[in-house]
Protein backbone atom coordinates (compact mmCIF):
# COMPACT_ATOMS: atom_id res chain seq x y z
CA MET A 1 111.52 118.60 93.12
CA THR A 2 112.25 115.38 91.77
CA THR A 3 112.58 115.95 87.79
CA TYR A 4 110.16 113.96 85.33
CA LEU A 5 111.62 115.72 82.24
CA GLU A 6 112.93 118.21 81.19
CA SER A 7 112.03 119.91 77.34
CA GLU A 8 114.32 122.58 76.01
CA ARG A 9 111.87 125.38 78.51
CA LEU A 10 110.24 123.51 81.04
CA THR A 11 111.11 121.12 83.62
CA LEU A 12 107.65 118.46 84.39
CA ARG A 13 107.42 117.04 88.23
CA ARG A 14 104.86 114.89 90.18
CA PHE A 15 102.43 116.96 92.00
CA THR A 16 101.91 117.58 95.24
CA ALA A 17 99.15 116.83 98.24
CA ASP A 18 100.38 120.02 98.14
CA ASP A 19 99.30 121.84 95.04
CA ALA A 20 95.86 121.65 94.81
CA ASP A 21 96.22 125.56 94.79
CA LEU A 22 98.24 125.70 91.62
CA LEU A 23 95.28 123.56 89.94
CA ILE A 24 92.37 125.57 91.99
CA GLU A 25 93.84 128.68 90.01
CA LEU A 26 94.31 127.38 86.31
CA ASP A 27 90.96 125.84 86.03
CA GLY A 28 89.65 129.23 87.62
CA ASP A 29 90.25 130.86 84.63
CA PRO A 30 87.14 131.08 82.32
CA ALA A 31 88.97 130.60 79.55
CA VAL A 32 91.64 127.52 80.57
CA MET A 33 88.65 126.18 80.83
CA ARG A 34 85.88 126.88 77.87
CA PHE A 35 86.42 123.83 75.80
CA LEU A 36 85.79 121.88 78.91
CA SER A 37 83.05 122.91 81.22
CA GLY A 38 82.07 126.23 78.88
CA GLY A 39 83.82 128.89 80.95
CA GLU A 40 83.15 126.67 84.55
CA ALA A 41 85.66 126.73 87.24
CA THR A 42 86.05 122.86 88.53
CA PRO A 43 85.19 123.79 92.29
CA ALA A 44 88.45 124.04 94.66
CA GLU A 45 86.78 120.87 97.24
CA VAL A 46 86.10 119.25 93.42
CA VAL A 47 90.38 119.66 93.11
CA ARG A 48 90.98 118.60 96.06
CA GLU A 49 89.08 116.11 97.13
CA GLN A 50 89.01 114.23 94.23
CA HIS A 51 91.65 115.59 91.60
CA ILE A 52 94.53 116.25 93.31
CA PRO A 53 94.37 111.82 95.47
CA ALA A 54 93.13 110.78 92.46
CA ILE A 55 96.69 112.56 90.58
CA LEU A 56 98.77 110.70 92.49
CA ALA A 57 96.65 107.14 92.69
CA GLY A 58 98.06 107.69 88.97
CA TYR A 59 101.52 107.22 89.77
CA ASP A 60 101.24 104.36 92.21
CA ARG A 61 99.42 102.94 89.70
CA TRP A 62 102.01 102.76 86.78
CA ASP A 63 105.31 103.57 88.99
CA GLY A 64 105.73 106.82 88.83
CA GLU A 65 105.76 106.45 85.69
CA LEU A 66 102.87 107.87 83.99
CA GLY A 67 100.83 110.18 85.16
CA LEU A 68 99.97 114.35 84.88
CA PHE A 69 102.84 116.19 86.02
CA ALA A 70 102.99 120.12 87.20
CA ALA A 71 105.13 121.66 84.84
CA TYR A 72 107.62 125.09 85.35
CA GLU A 73 109.56 127.18 83.41
CA ARG A 74 113.09 126.43 83.95
CA GLU A 75 114.19 129.70 83.78
CA GLY A 76 112.12 131.71 87.47
CA GLY A 77 110.52 128.77 87.51
CA GLU A 78 107.85 129.72 86.74
CA PHE A 79 104.04 126.99 87.89
CA VAL A 80 102.87 126.83 83.41
CA GLY A 81 99.87 124.56 83.51
CA TRP A 82 99.54 120.71 83.44
CA PHE A 83 100.34 118.02 81.18
CA CYS A 84 99.75 114.09 81.47
CA LEU A 85 100.92 110.87 79.28
CA ARG A 86 99.39 107.86 80.64
CA PRO A 87 96.53 105.25 79.95
CA ARG A 88 93.23 105.04 80.40
CA LYS A 89 92.30 103.69 83.52
CA GLU A 90 91.32 100.45 82.53
CA GLY A 91 93.47 100.20 78.96
CA PRO A 92 96.04 98.75 77.94
CA ARG A 93 99.53 100.09 79.58
CA ASP A 94 101.26 100.81 75.42
CA GLU A 95 98.39 102.61 75.41
CA ALA A 96 98.36 106.81 76.14
CA GLU A 97 96.58 109.90 76.57
CA LEU A 98 98.24 113.07 75.20
CA GLY A 99 97.00 116.33 77.20
CA TYR A 100 98.09 119.29 78.30
CA ARG A 101 96.22 122.49 80.20
CA LEU A 102 98.43 125.84 80.46
CA ARG A 103 97.56 128.87 82.12
CA ARG A 104 96.96 132.21 79.64
CA ALA A 105 99.71 133.67 80.20
CA ALA A 106 101.78 130.11 78.69
CA TRP A 107 99.80 130.13 76.11
CA GLY A 108 101.50 131.12 72.12
CA LYS A 109 105.00 130.36 73.08
CA GLY A 110 104.65 126.79 71.74
CA TYR A 111 105.40 124.68 75.07
CA ALA A 112 102.55 123.10 74.23
CA THR A 113 103.86 121.47 71.07
CA GLU A 114 107.65 120.95 73.54
CA VAL A 115 106.46 119.63 75.95
CA SER A 116 104.29 116.88 73.85
CA LEU A 117 107.36 116.21 71.64
CA ALA A 118 109.54 115.51 74.38
CA LEU A 119 106.74 113.48 76.71
CA LEU A 120 105.99 111.62 72.96
CA ARG A 121 110.01 110.65 72.62
CA LYS A 122 109.81 109.56 75.93
CA GLY A 123 107.11 107.46 75.38
CA PHE A 124 108.07 105.90 72.44
CA ALA A 125 111.90 104.98 72.83
CA GLU A 126 111.74 105.03 77.20
CA LEU A 127 107.94 103.84 77.95
CA GLY A 128 107.41 100.71 75.91
CA LEU A 129 104.14 102.85 74.88
CA THR A 130 102.59 101.36 71.11
CA LYS A 131 100.52 104.63 71.38
CA VAL A 132 99.19 107.34 72.24
CA TRP A 133 96.25 109.51 71.87
CA ALA A 134 94.49 113.25 72.62
CA ALA A 135 91.21 114.23 71.79
CA THR A 136 89.64 118.08 72.15
CA MET A 137 86.47 119.61 71.25
CA VAL A 138 86.38 120.01 67.49
CA LEU A 139 85.96 123.92 68.24
CA ASN A 140 89.25 123.53 69.89
CA ARG A 141 91.86 124.64 66.84
CA GLY A 142 94.25 125.48 69.28
CA SER A 143 94.91 121.77 70.51
CA ARG A 144 93.98 120.22 67.47
CA ASN A 145 97.13 122.33 65.94
CA VAL A 146 99.10 121.13 68.87
CA MET A 147 98.51 117.91 67.79
CA GLU A 148 98.95 118.23 64.13
CA LYS A 149 102.02 119.77 64.61
CA VAL A 150 103.75 116.50 67.26
CA GLY A 151 102.66 114.08 64.31
CA MET A 152 98.73 112.95 65.23
CA THR A 153 96.55 112.76 62.36
CA PHE A 154 92.71 112.69 62.81
CA SER A 155 91.99 109.02 64.57
CA HIS A 156 87.74 109.36 64.57
CA PRO A 157 85.50 112.05 65.40
CA LEU A 158 84.23 111.93 69.26
CA PRO A 159 80.62 112.49 70.96
CA THR A 160 80.33 115.28 73.55
CA PRO A 161 79.70 114.20 76.65
CA ASP A 162 76.45 115.75 78.39
CA ASP A 163 77.64 117.00 81.26
CA MET A 164 80.27 118.75 78.44
CA ALA A 165 76.63 120.06 76.87
CA ALA A 166 76.63 123.72 77.88
CA VAL A 167 80.60 124.17 76.51
CA GLU A 168 80.52 126.07 73.15
CA GLY A 169 80.72 123.98 69.76
CA ALA A 170 79.47 121.32 72.02
CA ASP A 171 77.16 119.86 68.78
CA LEU A 172 79.82 119.49 66.63
CA GLY A 173 81.45 116.90 69.53
CA GLY A 174 84.67 116.20 69.56
CA VAL A 175 88.09 114.79 67.87
CA GLN A 176 90.58 112.03 68.53
CA TYR A 177 94.21 111.88 67.57
CA GLU A 178 96.32 109.51 67.82
CA ILE A 179 100.28 108.48 66.80
CA THR A 180 101.79 104.73 67.47
CA LYS A 181 104.83 103.89 67.79
CA GLU A 182 106.01 103.24 64.36
CA GLN A 183 104.31 106.64 62.56
CA TRP A 184 106.63 108.18 65.10
CA GLU A 185 110.09 106.42 63.78
CA ARG A 186 109.13 107.40 60.97
CA ARG A 187 108.34 110.74 61.03
């Protein structure tokens, strides 16, 4: 396993084509998918035929420096979910999205904050990022708390995508938070 990043308690590595079952299990938990699909599981064929190839193509696109990474507990090796630090497909390379999706068993342990801080440090200090943003639904207070803990601030509201109209709180829309390299350095 080639390590992409280590935090105090977690190790991140690139996904491989053999990791589809990890994502199928993660996206099959209604609580995990609550603010993404209204609790509906991502079909296995979508993970295998669309998500995994897109994740792997991202490593090529961004020289393995940015993308979506599998997260494991350093002690015990348990898969806990994924984290991403990646530009928009058509966006500038120096602006990246911070994201995370964790198994329910990993909630409330501070993993999202811990790894998000490590990713911001890496992004600003090593990868030349100038801005990092994150988005979630207004009602997803847990995710918003993480964004605020790592120093991100509210940027602007986001409309709810049409395919998320059935998600709880869809009528409230989403929010985008961000932090610039200058803001990070002043922390």
